[in-house]
């Protein structure tokens, strides 16, 4: 029964991108059925939806040259719709069930999604929300480090005040391993250099 719900959701989602405006009402009726699906099943849907995005993107990469223009547009549209739905479903789960043990993993999903597509500011925002709402989340320091590295290396233009704040926040953590403390202190002493410049020296 659970698998039927998951695949029904994906079927409705992926078909909806090809519907025209006179079918909007029917699409809304279908989408309301998803609201009543149990939390655990909803979270599993996110995993299935993510897998479907990966498969469609692989199809685009490896078989894109075999598609005609109409097929290419249709596939790209389905990917775009699925991506938007993946984001919306993660945000919706977090907002609807903030006390649920799976809710912080929705924020992790969002971070990984935005980081993968190089939407770095939104990736950072996801970690900020994770840190704010779930300060006891396992391995939170790892995600805080990812935030610092993203600010330091990937987000352009570099904002040294934000980078400094991120590393200082890490240094304030209790029981921080010595090797990580040394790395953070080293970066603080070389904020005028990016990672490549520092390694070159």
N, C-alpha and C. Protein backbone atom coordinates (compact mmCIF):
# COMPACT_ATOMS: atom_id res chain seq x y z
N UNK A 1 0.84 -1.20 0.00
CA UNK A 1 0.00 0.00 0.00
C UNK A 1 0.87 1.25 0.00
N UNK A 2 1.92 1.22 0.83
CA UNK A 2 2.82 2.37 0.93
C UNK A 2 3.49 2.65 -0.40
N UNK A 3 3.99 1.60 -1.07
CA UNK A 3 4.65 1.80 -2.35
C UNK A 3 3.69 2.34 -3.40
N UNK A 4 2.44 1.89 -3.34
CA UNK A 4 1.44 2.39 -4.29
C UNK A 4 1.23 3.89 -4.10
N UNK A 5 1.21 4.34 -2.84
CA UNK A 5 1.05 5.77 -2.55
C UNK A 5 2.22 6.57 -3.09
N UNK A 6 3.42 6.05 -2.89
CA UNK A 6 4.61 6.75 -3.34
C UNK A 6 4.62 6.90 -4.86
N UNK A 7 4.37 5.82 -5.56
CA UNK A 7 4.45 5.87 -7.01
C UNK A 7 3.26 6.61 -7.61
N UNK A 8 2.11 6.59 -6.92
CA UNK A 8 0.99 7.40 -7.37
C UNK A 8 1.34 8.88 -7.30
N UNK A 9 2.01 9.26 -6.22
CA UNK A 9 2.43 10.65 -6.05
C UNK A 9 3.37 11.07 -7.18
N UNK A 10 4.35 10.23 -7.47
CA UNK A 10 5.31 10.56 -8.52
C UNK A 10 4.65 10.58 -9.89
N UNK A 11 3.73 9.65 -10.10
CA UNK A 11 3.02 9.61 -11.37
C UNK A 11 2.24 10.89 -11.61
N UNK A 12 1.51 11.32 -10.59
CA UNK A 12 0.74 12.56 -10.70
C UNK A 12 1.66 13.76 -10.91
N UNK A 13 2.79 13.77 -10.18
CA UNK A 13 3.73 14.88 -10.29
C UNK A 13 4.31 15.01 -11.68
N UNK A 14 4.81 13.91 -12.22
CA UNK A 14 5.52 13.96 -13.49
C UNK A 14 4.57 14.16 -14.67
N UNK A 15 3.33 13.74 -14.51
CA UNK A 15 2.36 13.99 -15.56
C UNK A 15 1.85 15.42 -15.54
N UNK A 16 1.86 16.03 -14.36
CA UNK A 16 1.28 17.36 -14.20
C UNK A 16 1.99 18.41 -15.04
N UNK A 17 3.30 18.20 -15.32
CA UNK A 17 4.03 19.20 -16.08
C UNK A 17 3.55 19.29 -17.51
N UNK A 18 2.85 18.25 -17.99
CA UNK A 18 2.36 18.30 -19.36
C UNK A 18 0.92 18.74 -19.47
N UNK A 19 0.28 19.04 -18.34
CA UNK A 19 -1.12 19.43 -18.37
C UNK A 19 -1.25 20.91 -18.69
N UNK A 20 -2.34 21.28 -19.35
CA UNK A 20 -2.57 22.68 -19.63
C UNK A 20 -3.42 23.29 -18.55
N UNK A 21 -3.70 24.61 -18.68
CA UNK A 21 -4.33 25.36 -17.61
C UNK A 21 -5.74 24.90 -17.30
N UNK A 22 -6.48 24.31 -18.27
CA UNK A 22 -7.86 23.93 -18.00
C UNK A 22 -7.96 22.68 -17.15
N UNK A 23 -6.77 22.07 -16.80
CA UNK A 23 -6.77 20.90 -15.93
C UNK A 23 -6.21 21.22 -14.56
N UNK A 24 -6.03 22.49 -14.26
CA UNK A 24 -5.43 22.89 -12.99
C UNK A 24 -6.24 22.41 -11.81
N UNK A 25 -7.56 22.50 -11.90
CA UNK A 25 -8.42 22.11 -10.79
C UNK A 25 -8.25 20.64 -10.46
N UNK A 26 -8.16 19.79 -11.49
CA UNK A 26 -7.98 18.37 -11.26
C UNK A 26 -6.64 18.09 -10.61
N UNK A 27 -5.60 18.83 -11.01
CA UNK A 27 -4.27 18.65 -10.42
C UNK A 27 -4.32 18.99 -8.94
N UNK A 28 -5.03 20.04 -8.57
CA UNK A 28 -5.12 20.43 -7.18
C UNK A 28 -5.83 19.36 -6.36
N UNK A 29 -6.85 18.74 -6.95
CA UNK A 29 -7.56 17.68 -6.25
C UNK A 29 -6.64 16.50 -5.99
N UNK A 30 -5.82 16.14 -7.00
CA UNK A 30 -4.88 15.05 -6.82
C UNK A 30 -3.86 15.36 -5.74
N UNK A 31 -3.36 16.61 -5.73
CA UNK A 31 -2.30 16.97 -4.79
C UNK A 31 -2.80 16.95 -3.36
N UNK A 32 -4.08 17.23 -3.13
CA UNK A 32 -4.60 17.24 -1.76
C UNK A 32 -4.59 15.85 -1.15
N UNK A 33 -4.65 14.81 -2.00
CA UNK A 33 -4.62 13.44 -1.48
C UNK A 33 -3.30 13.13 -0.80
N UNK A 34 -2.22 13.80 -1.25
CA UNK A 34 -0.90 13.53 -0.69
C UNK A 34 -0.81 14.01 0.75
N UNK A 35 -1.59 15.03 1.12
CA UNK A 35 -1.51 15.61 2.45
C UNK A 35 -1.83 14.58 3.52
N UNK A 36 -2.71 13.61 3.21
CA UNK A 36 -3.14 12.63 4.18
C UNK A 36 -2.22 11.44 4.29
N UNK A 37 -1.14 11.42 3.55
CA UNK A 37 -0.20 10.31 3.61
C UNK A 37 0.63 10.42 4.89
N UNK A 38 0.88 9.30 5.59
CA UNK A 38 1.64 9.31 6.85
C UNK A 38 3.02 9.94 6.69
N UNK A 39 3.55 10.45 7.81
CA UNK A 39 4.84 11.15 7.78
C UNK A 39 5.97 10.29 7.21
N UNK A 40 6.06 9.05 7.69
CA UNK A 40 7.14 8.19 7.23
C UNK A 40 7.10 7.96 5.74
N UNK A 41 5.89 7.79 5.22
CA UNK A 41 5.74 7.58 3.78
C UNK A 41 6.09 8.84 3.01
N UNK A 42 5.72 9.98 3.55
CA UNK A 42 6.05 11.26 2.90
C UNK A 42 7.56 11.42 2.79
N UNK A 43 8.27 11.03 3.85
CA UNK A 43 9.73 11.15 3.80
C UNK A 43 10.32 10.18 2.78
N UNK A 44 9.75 8.98 2.71
CA UNK A 44 10.23 8.02 1.71
C UNK A 44 10.00 8.55 0.30
N UNK A 45 8.91 9.30 0.12
CA UNK A 45 8.64 9.91 -1.18
C UNK A 45 9.77 10.82 -1.62
N UNK A 46 10.37 11.53 -0.64
CA UNK A 46 11.47 12.43 -0.96
C UNK A 46 12.65 11.66 -1.55
N UNK A 47 12.92 10.49 -0.96
CA UNK A 47 14.03 9.67 -1.46
C UNK A 47 13.73 9.17 -2.87
N UNK A 48 12.50 8.72 -3.10
CA UNK A 48 12.11 8.23 -4.42
C UNK A 48 12.14 9.36 -5.44
N UNK A 49 11.66 10.53 -5.03
CA UNK A 49 11.66 11.68 -5.92
C UNK A 49 13.07 12.09 -6.30
N UNK A 50 13.97 12.07 -5.32
CA UNK A 50 15.37 12.39 -5.58
C UNK A 50 15.97 11.39 -6.58
N UNK A 51 15.66 10.11 -6.40
CA UNK A 51 16.16 9.09 -7.33
C UNK A 51 15.63 9.33 -8.74
N UNK A 52 14.36 9.74 -8.83
CA UNK A 52 13.77 9.98 -10.15
C UNK A 52 14.44 11.15 -10.85
N UNK A 53 14.81 12.17 -10.07
CA UNK A 53 15.52 13.32 -10.64
C UNK A 53 16.88 12.87 -11.18
N UNK A 54 17.58 12.07 -10.38
CA UNK A 54 18.89 11.57 -10.82
C UNK A 54 18.77 10.77 -12.11
N UNK A 55 17.76 9.92 -12.19
CA UNK A 55 17.58 9.08 -13.38
C UNK A 55 17.26 9.93 -14.61
N UNK A 56 16.40 10.93 -14.43
CA UNK A 56 16.06 11.79 -15.56
C UNK A 56 17.26 12.59 -16.02
N UNK A 57 18.07 13.06 -15.07
CA UNK A 57 19.27 13.83 -15.45
C UNK A 57 20.29 12.93 -16.14
N UNK A 58 20.41 11.68 -15.70
CA UNK A 58 21.29 10.74 -16.38
C UNK A 58 20.80 10.48 -17.80
N UNK A 59 19.50 10.36 -17.95
CA UNK A 59 18.91 10.15 -19.27
C UNK A 59 19.21 11.33 -20.18
N UNK A 60 19.13 12.53 -19.61
CA UNK A 60 19.41 13.74 -20.39
C UNK A 60 20.86 13.78 -20.84
N UNK A 61 21.76 13.37 -19.95
CA UNK A 61 23.20 13.40 -20.26
C UNK A 61 23.57 12.35 -21.30
N UNK A 62 23.11 11.12 -21.08
CA UNK A 62 23.57 10.02 -21.92
C UNK A 62 22.72 9.81 -23.18
N UNK A 63 21.48 10.26 -23.15
CA UNK A 63 20.61 10.03 -24.30
C UNK A 63 20.07 11.32 -24.91
N UNK A 64 20.55 12.46 -24.42
CA UNK A 64 20.04 13.74 -24.89
C UNK A 64 20.18 13.94 -26.38
N UNK A 65 21.27 13.44 -26.95
CA UNK A 65 21.51 13.64 -28.38
C UNK A 65 20.54 12.84 -29.24
N UNK A 66 19.91 11.83 -28.65
CA UNK A 66 18.97 11.00 -29.40
C UNK A 66 17.56 11.57 -29.38
N UNK A 67 17.33 12.59 -28.55
CA UNK A 67 15.99 13.16 -28.42
C UNK A 67 15.78 14.28 -29.41
N UNK A 68 14.55 14.38 -29.91
CA UNK A 68 14.23 15.53 -30.74
C UNK A 68 13.92 16.72 -29.85
N UNK A 69 13.69 17.87 -30.44
CA UNK A 69 13.51 19.10 -29.66
C UNK A 69 12.33 19.00 -28.70
N UNK A 70 11.23 18.43 -29.16
CA UNK A 70 10.04 18.31 -28.32
C UNK A 70 10.29 17.39 -27.14
N UNK A 71 10.97 16.28 -27.39
CA UNK A 71 11.29 15.34 -26.31
C UNK A 71 12.26 15.96 -25.32
N UNK A 72 13.22 16.73 -25.83
CA UNK A 72 14.19 17.40 -24.97
C UNK A 72 13.49 18.40 -24.05
N UNK A 73 12.59 19.20 -24.61
CA UNK A 73 11.86 20.19 -23.81
C UNK A 73 11.01 19.50 -22.76
N UNK A 74 10.36 18.39 -23.15
CA UNK A 74 9.50 17.65 -22.23
C UNK A 74 10.31 17.09 -21.06
N UNK A 75 11.48 16.54 -21.35
CA UNK A 75 12.31 15.95 -20.30
C UNK A 75 12.85 17.02 -19.37
N UNK A 76 13.33 18.13 -19.94
CA UNK A 76 13.84 19.22 -19.11
C UNK A 76 12.73 19.82 -18.23
N UNK A 77 11.52 19.87 -18.78
CA UNK A 77 10.40 20.38 -18.00
C UNK A 77 10.08 19.46 -16.83
N UNK A 78 10.09 18.15 -17.09
CA UNK A 78 9.83 17.18 -16.02
C UNK A 78 10.89 17.29 -14.92
N UNK A 79 12.14 17.46 -15.33
CA UNK A 79 13.23 17.60 -14.35
C UNK A 79 13.01 18.85 -13.51
N UNK A 80 12.68 19.95 -14.16
CA UNK A 80 12.45 21.21 -13.45
C UNK A 80 11.29 21.09 -12.47
N UNK A 81 10.19 20.47 -12.91
CA UNK A 81 9.03 20.28 -12.04
C UNK A 81 9.40 19.41 -10.84
N UNK A 82 10.12 18.32 -11.09
CA UNK A 82 10.51 17.41 -10.02
C UNK A 82 11.44 18.09 -9.01
N UNK A 83 12.37 18.91 -9.51
CA UNK A 83 13.27 19.65 -8.61
C UNK A 83 12.49 20.60 -7.71
N UNK A 84 11.57 21.35 -8.31
CA UNK A 84 10.77 22.28 -7.51
C UNK A 84 9.95 21.54 -6.46
N UNK A 85 9.40 20.41 -6.86
CA UNK A 85 8.58 19.63 -5.93
C UNK A 85 9.44 19.06 -4.81
N UNK A 86 10.66 18.64 -5.15
CA UNK A 86 11.57 18.10 -4.14
C UNK A 86 11.88 19.15 -3.08
N UNK A 87 12.16 20.37 -3.52
CA UNK A 87 12.41 21.46 -2.58
C UNK A 87 11.17 21.75 -1.75
N UNK A 88 10.03 21.87 -2.42
CA UNK A 88 8.79 22.20 -1.72
C UNK A 88 8.40 21.14 -0.70
N UNK A 89 8.60 19.87 -1.05
CA UNK A 89 8.24 18.79 -0.14
C UNK A 89 9.16 18.76 1.08
N UNK A 90 10.45 19.03 0.89
CA UNK A 90 11.37 19.09 2.02
C UNK A 90 11.03 20.25 2.95
N UNK A 91 10.80 21.41 2.36
CA UNK A 91 10.43 22.58 3.16
C UNK A 91 9.10 22.33 3.87
N UNK A 92 8.15 21.74 3.14
CA UNK A 92 6.84 21.47 3.72
C UNK A 92 6.90 20.50 4.88
N UNK A 93 7.73 19.47 4.76
CA UNK A 93 7.87 18.49 5.85
C UNK A 93 8.46 19.16 7.08
N UNK A 94 9.52 19.95 6.86
CA UNK A 94 10.17 20.63 7.98
C UNK A 94 9.20 21.58 8.69
N UNK A 95 8.42 22.34 7.94
CA UNK A 95 7.50 23.31 8.53
C UNK A 95 6.29 22.64 9.18
N UNK A 96 5.86 21.52 8.61
CA UNK A 96 4.67 20.83 9.13
C UNK A 96 4.99 19.97 10.34
N UNK A 97 6.17 19.34 10.32
CA UNK A 97 6.55 18.43 11.41
C UNK A 97 7.91 18.83 11.99
N UNK A 98 8.05 20.04 12.52
CA UNK A 98 9.36 20.50 13.00
C UNK A 98 9.93 19.69 14.16
N UNK A 99 9.04 19.02 14.93
CA UNK A 99 9.51 18.24 16.07
C UNK A 99 9.84 16.80 15.70
N UNK A 100 9.54 16.42 14.48
CA UNK A 100 9.78 15.05 14.06
C UNK A 100 11.28 14.81 13.88
N UNK A 101 11.71 13.59 14.17
CA UNK A 101 13.14 13.28 14.10
C UNK A 101 13.68 13.34 12.67
N UNK A 102 12.81 13.24 11.69
CA UNK A 102 13.25 13.30 10.29
C UNK A 102 13.32 14.72 9.75
N UNK A 103 12.72 15.67 10.45
CA UNK A 103 12.66 17.05 9.97
C UNK A 103 14.04 17.65 9.70
N UNK A 104 15.03 17.48 10.59
CA UNK A 104 16.35 18.06 10.29
C UNK A 104 17.00 17.46 9.05
N UNK A 105 16.64 16.22 8.74
CA UNK A 105 17.22 15.60 7.55
C UNK A 105 16.66 16.24 6.27
N UNK A 106 15.48 16.85 6.38
CA UNK A 106 14.95 17.60 5.24
C UNK A 106 15.83 18.81 4.96
N UNK A 107 16.33 19.44 6.02
CA UNK A 107 17.24 20.57 5.84
C UNK A 107 18.58 20.11 5.26
N UNK A 108 19.01 18.93 5.69
CA UNK A 108 20.22 18.35 5.10
C UNK A 108 20.00 18.07 3.62
N UNK A 109 18.82 17.54 3.29
CA UNK A 109 18.49 17.32 1.88
C UNK A 109 18.58 18.61 1.08
N UNK A 110 18.04 19.68 1.66
CA UNK A 110 18.04 20.97 0.96
C UNK A 110 19.46 21.48 0.78
N UNK A 111 20.29 21.33 1.82
CA UNK A 111 21.68 21.75 1.69
C UNK A 111 22.35 21.01 0.53
N UNK A 112 22.21 19.69 0.53
CA UNK A 112 22.87 18.89 -0.51
C UNK A 112 22.35 19.24 -1.90
N UNK A 113 21.05 19.50 -1.99
CA UNK A 113 20.45 19.86 -3.28
C UNK A 113 21.02 21.18 -3.79
N UNK A 114 21.00 22.20 -2.94
CA UNK A 114 21.49 23.51 -3.37
C UNK A 114 22.98 23.49 -3.64
N UNK A 115 23.72 22.74 -2.82
CA UNK A 115 25.16 22.66 -3.05
C UNK A 115 25.46 21.97 -4.38
N UNK A 116 24.72 20.94 -4.69
CA UNK A 116 24.93 20.19 -5.94
C UNK A 116 24.73 21.09 -7.16
N UNK A 117 23.74 21.96 -7.08
CA UNK A 117 23.44 22.83 -8.21
C UNK A 117 24.06 24.22 -8.06
N UNK A 118 25.01 24.31 -7.11
CA UNK A 118 25.81 25.52 -6.91
C UNK A 118 24.96 26.75 -6.59
N UNK A 119 23.90 26.52 -5.84
CA UNK A 119 23.08 27.62 -5.33
C UNK A 119 23.54 27.84 -3.88
N UNK A 120 24.70 28.44 -3.75
CA UNK A 120 25.44 28.37 -2.49
C UNK A 120 24.80 29.16 -1.36
N UNK A 121 24.20 30.30 -1.65
CA UNK A 121 23.60 31.07 -0.56
C UNK A 121 22.45 30.30 0.07
N UNK A 122 21.65 29.64 -0.73
CA UNK A 122 20.55 28.85 -0.19
C UNK A 122 21.07 27.62 0.55
N UNK A 123 22.19 27.08 0.09
CA UNK A 123 22.81 25.97 0.81
C UNK A 123 23.23 26.41 2.21
N UNK A 124 23.82 27.59 2.29
CA UNK A 124 24.22 28.15 3.58
C UNK A 124 23.00 28.41 4.45
N UNK A 125 21.94 28.94 3.86
CA UNK A 125 20.72 29.21 4.61
C UNK A 125 20.15 27.93 5.23
N UNK A 126 20.28 26.82 4.51
CA UNK A 126 19.79 25.54 5.02
C UNK A 126 20.57 25.11 6.25
N UNK A 127 21.88 25.32 6.23
CA UNK A 127 22.70 24.97 7.40
C UNK A 127 22.40 25.91 8.55
N UNK A 128 22.19 27.19 8.27
CA UNK A 128 21.84 28.14 9.33
C UNK A 128 20.54 27.72 10.02
N UNK A 129 19.57 27.29 9.25
CA UNK A 129 18.30 26.85 9.81
C UNK A 129 18.49 25.58 10.63
N UNK A 130 19.30 24.66 10.13
CA UNK A 130 19.61 23.43 10.85
C UNK A 130 20.26 23.76 12.20
N UNK A 131 21.19 24.67 12.18
CA UNK A 131 21.90 25.06 13.41
C UNK A 131 20.96 25.75 14.40
N UNK A 132 20.04 26.56 13.88
CA UNK A 132 19.12 27.31 14.74
C UNK A 132 18.09 26.40 15.39
N UNK A 133 17.50 25.51 14.62
CA UNK A 133 16.39 24.69 15.12
C UNK A 133 16.84 23.39 15.77
N UNK A 134 18.00 22.89 15.36
CA UNK A 134 18.44 21.58 15.86
C UNK A 134 19.90 21.64 16.31
N UNK A 135 20.17 22.41 17.38
CA UNK A 135 21.56 22.58 17.83
C UNK A 135 22.21 21.29 18.34
N UNK A 136 21.40 20.26 18.61
CA UNK A 136 21.95 18.99 19.09
C UNK A 136 21.95 17.94 17.98
N UNK A 137 21.78 18.37 16.75
CA UNK A 137 21.76 17.43 15.63
C UNK A 137 23.12 16.73 15.52
N UNK A 138 23.13 15.40 15.35
CA UNK A 138 24.41 14.67 15.24
C UNK A 138 25.27 15.21 14.09
N UNK A 139 26.55 15.35 14.37
CA UNK A 139 27.51 15.83 13.36
C UNK A 139 27.18 17.23 12.84
N UNK A 140 26.53 18.03 13.68
CA UNK A 140 26.22 19.40 13.27
C UNK A 140 27.50 20.17 12.93
N UNK A 141 28.58 19.89 13.66
CA UNK A 141 29.83 20.60 13.41
C UNK A 141 30.34 20.36 11.99
N UNK A 142 30.06 19.18 11.44
CA UNK A 142 30.48 18.89 10.06
C UNK A 142 29.77 19.81 9.07
N UNK A 143 28.49 20.05 9.33
CA UNK A 143 27.73 20.94 8.45
C UNK A 143 28.13 22.40 8.66
N UNK A 144 28.48 22.75 9.90
CA UNK A 144 28.97 24.09 10.16
C UNK A 144 30.29 24.32 9.42
N UNK A 145 31.11 23.27 9.35
CA UNK A 145 32.37 23.37 8.62
C UNK A 145 32.11 23.52 7.12
N UNK A 146 31.12 22.78 6.62
CA UNK A 146 30.75 22.91 5.21
C UNK A 146 30.29 24.34 4.90
N UNK A 147 29.58 24.94 5.83
CA UNK A 147 29.17 26.33 5.65
C UNK A 147 30.39 27.24 5.56
N UNK A 148 31.34 27.05 6.47
CA UNK A 148 32.54 27.89 6.47
C UNK A 148 33.32 27.72 5.16
N UNK A 149 33.47 26.49 4.72
CA UNK A 149 34.20 26.22 3.48
C UNK A 149 33.48 26.81 2.28
N UNK A 150 32.15 26.71 2.28
CA UNK A 150 31.37 27.29 1.17
C UNK A 150 31.55 28.80 1.11
N UNK A 151 31.49 29.44 2.28
CA UNK A 151 31.71 30.88 2.34
C UNK A 151 33.13 31.24 1.92
N UNK A 152 34.09 30.43 2.35
CA UNK A 152 35.50 30.72 2.14
C UNK A 152 35.93 30.49 0.69
N UNK A 153 35.37 29.46 0.07
CA UNK A 153 35.91 29.03 -1.22
C UNK A 153 34.94 29.19 -2.40
N UNK A 154 33.66 28.92 -2.16
CA UNK A 154 32.73 28.83 -3.29
C UNK A 154 31.90 30.09 -3.51
N UNK A 155 31.46 30.74 -2.45
CA UNK A 155 30.57 31.88 -2.61
C UNK A 155 31.37 33.11 -3.02
N UNK A 156 30.99 33.69 -4.14
CA UNK A 156 31.68 34.86 -4.66
C UNK A 156 30.72 36.04 -4.73
N UNK A 157 31.19 37.26 -4.43
CA UNK A 157 32.53 37.59 -3.91
C UNK A 157 32.69 37.14 -2.46
N UNK A 158 33.92 36.87 -2.07
CA UNK A 158 34.19 36.42 -0.70
C UNK A 158 33.90 37.54 0.29
N UNK A 159 33.22 37.18 1.35
CA UNK A 159 32.91 38.11 2.43
C UNK A 159 33.70 37.67 3.66
N UNK A 160 34.85 38.30 3.89
CA UNK A 160 35.74 37.84 4.96
C UNK A 160 35.12 37.96 6.35
N UNK A 161 34.20 38.91 6.53
CA UNK A 161 33.56 39.03 7.85
C UNK A 161 32.67 37.82 8.13
N UNK A 162 31.97 37.33 7.12
CA UNK A 162 31.12 36.15 7.28
C UNK A 162 31.98 34.90 7.43
N UNK A 163 33.08 34.85 6.70
CA UNK A 163 33.99 33.70 6.80
C UNK A 163 34.58 33.64 8.20
N UNK A 164 35.03 34.80 8.71
CA UNK A 164 35.60 34.85 10.05
C UNK A 164 34.57 34.40 11.09
N UNK A 165 33.37 34.88 10.98
CA UNK A 165 32.31 34.51 11.92
C UNK A 165 32.06 33.00 11.91
N UNK A 166 32.08 32.41 10.71
CA UNK A 166 31.83 30.97 10.59
C UNK A 166 32.93 30.15 11.27
N UNK A 167 34.19 30.54 11.06
CA UNK A 167 35.30 29.80 11.68
C UNK A 167 35.35 30.04 13.19
N UNK A 168 35.05 31.24 13.62
CA UNK A 168 35.03 31.52 15.06
C UNK A 168 33.92 30.75 15.75
N UNK A 169 32.81 30.57 15.06
CA UNK A 169 31.71 29.78 15.61
C UNK A 169 32.16 28.33 15.79
N UNK A 170 32.91 27.83 14.83
CA UNK A 170 33.43 26.47 14.94
C UNK A 170 34.42 26.35 16.10
N UNK A 171 35.29 27.35 16.25
CA UNK A 171 36.28 27.32 17.32
C UNK A 171 35.64 27.38 18.71
N UNK A 172 34.42 27.88 18.79
CA UNK A 172 33.74 27.98 20.08
C UNK A 172 33.12 26.66 20.52
N UNK A 173 33.13 25.67 19.63
CA UNK A 173 32.50 24.40 19.96
C UNK A 173 33.33 23.66 21.02
N UNK A 174 32.66 23.04 21.99
CA UNK A 174 33.39 22.26 23.01
C UNK A 174 33.92 20.96 22.42
N UNK A 175 34.98 20.47 22.98
CA UNK A 175 35.58 19.19 22.58
C UNK A 175 35.94 19.16 21.10
N UNK A 176 36.42 20.26 20.59
CA UNK A 176 36.84 20.33 19.20
C UNK A 176 38.21 19.66 19.06
N UNK A 177 38.36 18.69 18.14
CA UNK A 177 39.65 18.02 17.97
C UNK A 177 40.76 19.02 17.63
N UNK A 178 41.94 18.75 18.10
CA UNK A 178 43.06 19.68 17.91
C UNK A 178 43.36 19.94 16.44
N UNK A 179 43.27 18.91 15.61
CA UNK A 179 43.64 19.09 14.20
C UNK A 179 42.65 20.02 13.49
N UNK A 180 41.39 19.94 13.91
CA UNK A 180 40.40 20.83 13.30
C UNK A 180 40.59 22.26 13.81
N UNK A 181 40.93 22.38 15.07
CA UNK A 181 41.19 23.71 15.63
C UNK A 181 42.35 24.37 14.91
N UNK A 182 43.39 23.62 14.63
CA UNK A 182 44.55 24.16 13.91
C UNK A 182 44.16 24.61 12.50
N UNK A 183 43.33 23.82 11.85
CA UNK A 183 42.90 24.18 10.49
C UNK A 183 42.11 25.49 10.49
N UNK A 184 41.20 25.63 11.45
CA UNK A 184 40.37 26.83 11.50
C UNK A 184 41.20 28.06 11.85
N UNK A 185 42.13 27.90 12.79
CA UNK A 185 43.00 29.02 13.16
C UNK A 185 43.88 29.43 11.98
N UNK A 186 44.34 28.44 11.23
CA UNK A 186 45.15 28.73 10.06
C UNK A 186 44.37 29.54 9.02
N UNK A 187 43.11 29.19 8.83
CA UNK A 187 42.29 29.93 7.87
C UNK A 187 42.04 31.35 8.36
N UNK A 188 41.83 31.51 9.66
CA UNK A 188 41.60 32.84 10.20
C UNK A 188 42.81 33.74 10.01
N UNK A 189 44.00 33.14 10.04
CA UNK A 189 45.23 33.91 9.85
C UNK A 189 45.50 34.21 8.38
N UNK A 190 44.73 33.57 7.49
CA UNK A 190 44.98 33.74 6.05
C UNK A 190 43.69 34.07 5.30
N UNK A 191 42.85 34.88 5.91
CA UNK A 191 41.58 35.21 5.27
C UNK A 191 41.74 36.02 3.99
N UNK A 192 42.92 36.63 3.85
CA UNK A 192 43.16 37.40 2.62
C UNK A 192 43.48 36.49 1.44
N UNK A 193 43.66 35.18 1.70
CA UNK A 193 43.98 34.21 0.66
C UNK A 193 42.87 33.17 0.57
N UNK A 194 42.60 32.70 -0.64
CA UNK A 194 41.66 31.59 -0.77
C UNK A 194 42.44 30.30 -0.55
N UNK A 195 41.73 29.16 -0.60
CA UNK A 195 42.37 27.88 -0.33
C UNK A 195 43.52 27.60 -1.30
N UNK A 196 43.31 27.91 -2.57
CA UNK A 196 44.34 27.60 -3.57
C UNK A 196 45.61 28.39 -3.31
N UNK A 197 45.43 29.68 -2.99
CA UNK A 197 46.60 30.53 -2.71
C UNK A 197 47.34 30.04 -1.48
N UNK A 198 46.57 29.65 -0.43
CA UNK A 198 47.20 29.20 0.80
C UNK A 198 47.97 27.90 0.56
N UNK A 199 47.38 26.97 -0.22
CA UNK A 199 48.07 25.70 -0.49
C UNK A 199 49.32 25.94 -1.32
N UNK A 200 49.27 26.95 -2.20
CA UNK A 200 50.41 27.26 -3.03
C UNK A 200 51.61 27.73 -2.24
N UNK A 201 51.31 28.33 -1.06
CA UNK A 201 52.39 28.80 -0.22
C UNK A 201 52.88 27.71 0.73
